[in-house]
């Protein structure tokens, strides 16, 4: 796998994680948002 593919795959999964986290209706999960945004 080429580097570009690896980076694109990681960014895709980071975005998926962020999207799912934003759908959770629980304020306690908000402590994880900064780390998810930093990765993107």
N, C-alpha and C. Protein backbone atom coordinates (compact mmCIF):
# COMPACT_ATOMS: atom_id res chain seq x y z
N UNK A 1 0.85 -1.18 0.00
CA UNK A 1 0.00 0.00 0.00
C UNK A 1 0.89 1.24 0.00
N UNK A 2 0.55 2.19 -0.82
CA UNK A 2 1.35 3.41 -0.91
C UNK A 2 1.00 4.36 0.24
N UNK A 3 1.92 5.26 0.51
CA UNK A 3 1.75 6.21 1.61
C UNK A 3 0.46 7.02 1.47
N UNK A 4 0.18 7.48 0.26
CA UNK A 4 -1.03 8.28 0.05
C UNK A 4 -2.29 7.50 0.42
N UNK A 5 -2.30 6.22 0.08
CA UNK A 5 -3.45 5.38 0.41
C UNK A 5 -3.59 5.21 1.92
N UNK A 6 -2.46 5.02 2.58
CA UNK A 6 -2.49 4.85 4.04
C UNK A 6 -3.01 6.11 4.73
N UNK A 7 -2.54 7.26 4.28
CA UNK A 7 -2.97 8.52 4.87
C UNK A 7 -4.45 8.75 4.59
N UNK A 8 -4.87 8.50 3.37
CA UNK A 8 -6.28 8.67 3.01
C UNK A 8 -7.17 7.74 3.83
N UNK A 9 -6.75 6.51 4.02
CA UNK A 9 -7.53 5.55 4.81
C UNK A 9 -7.63 6.01 6.26
N UNK A 10 -6.53 6.49 6.83
CA UNK A 10 -6.54 6.96 8.22
C UNK A 10 -7.45 8.16 8.36
N UNK A 11 -7.37 9.10 7.44
CA UNK A 11 -8.23 10.27 7.51
C UNK A 11 -9.70 9.90 7.38
N UNK A 12 -9.99 8.94 6.54
CA UNK A 12 -11.36 8.48 6.38
C UNK A 12 -11.89 7.91 7.70
N UNK A 13 -11.10 7.04 8.34
CA UNK A 13 -11.54 6.44 9.59
C UNK A 13 -11.62 7.47 10.70
N UNK A 14 -10.72 8.46 10.71
CA UNK A 14 -10.81 9.54 11.70
C UNK A 14 -12.11 10.32 11.51
N UNK A 15 -12.48 10.58 10.26
CA UNK A 15 -13.71 11.30 9.99
C UNK A 15 -14.93 10.47 10.40
N UNK A 16 -14.88 9.18 10.14
CA UNK A 16 -15.98 8.29 10.54
C UNK A 16 -16.13 8.32 12.07
N UNK A 17 -15.02 8.24 12.78
CA UNK A 17 -15.06 8.27 14.24
C UNK A 17 -15.64 9.59 14.74
N UNK A 18 -15.22 10.69 14.14
CA UNK A 18 -15.74 12.00 14.53
C UNK A 18 -17.23 12.10 14.24
N UNK A 19 -17.65 11.67 13.07
CA UNK A 19 -19.06 11.73 12.70
C UNK A 19 -19.93 10.94 13.67
N UNK A 20 -19.49 9.74 14.03
CA UNK A 20 -20.26 8.91 14.96
C UNK A 20 -20.27 9.51 16.36
N UNK A 21 -19.15 10.07 16.77
CA UNK A 21 -19.07 10.69 18.09
C UNK A 21 -20.02 11.88 18.19
N UNK A 22 -20.11 12.67 17.13
CA UNK A 22 -20.99 13.83 17.15
C UNK A 22 -22.47 13.45 17.21
N UNK A 23 -22.80 12.23 16.85
CA UNK A 23 -24.19 11.77 16.89
C UNK A 23 -24.60 11.28 18.27
N UNK A 24 -23.65 11.09 19.16
CA UNK A 24 -23.94 10.58 20.51
C UNK A 24 -24.51 11.71 21.35
N UNK A 25 -25.67 11.48 21.92
CA UNK A 25 -26.34 12.50 22.73
C UNK A 25 -26.00 12.28 24.21
N UNK A 26 -24.74 12.53 24.53
CA UNK A 26 -24.26 12.35 25.90
C UNK A 26 -23.11 13.33 26.11
N UNK A 27 -23.30 14.26 27.00
CA UNK A 27 -22.29 15.29 27.22
C UNK A 27 -20.95 14.74 27.68
N UNK A 28 -20.94 13.58 28.31
CA UNK A 28 -19.67 13.03 28.81
C UNK A 28 -18.72 12.65 27.67
N UNK A 29 -19.25 12.46 26.47
CA UNK A 29 -18.41 12.08 25.34
C UNK A 29 -17.65 13.27 24.76
N UNK A 30 -18.10 14.47 25.10
CA UNK A 30 -17.50 15.69 24.55
C UNK A 30 -16.03 15.85 24.94
N UNK A 31 -15.60 15.20 26.01
CA UNK A 31 -14.19 15.31 26.41
C UNK A 31 -13.27 14.69 25.36
N UNK A 32 -13.80 13.82 24.51
CA UNK A 32 -12.99 13.17 23.49
C UNK A 32 -12.92 13.96 22.19
N UNK A 33 -13.76 14.96 22.02
CA UNK A 33 -13.81 15.68 20.76
C UNK A 33 -12.49 16.38 20.39
N UNK A 34 -11.80 17.03 21.32
CA UNK A 34 -10.54 17.67 20.91
C UNK A 34 -9.54 16.72 20.26
N UNK A 35 -9.43 15.51 20.78
CA UNK A 35 -8.48 14.56 20.18
C UNK A 35 -8.92 14.10 18.81
N UNK A 36 -10.22 14.02 18.59
CA UNK A 36 -10.72 13.63 17.26
C UNK A 36 -10.53 14.75 16.25
N UNK A 37 -10.70 16.00 16.68
CA UNK A 37 -10.50 17.12 15.78
C UNK A 37 -9.02 17.31 15.45
N UNK A 38 -8.16 17.09 16.42
CA UNK A 38 -6.72 17.25 16.20
C UNK A 38 -6.22 16.27 15.14
N UNK A 39 -6.75 15.07 15.13
CA UNK A 39 -6.32 14.05 14.15
C UNK A 39 -6.68 14.45 12.74
N UNK A 40 -7.78 15.18 12.58
CA UNK A 40 -8.22 15.57 11.25
C UNK A 40 -7.52 16.82 10.89
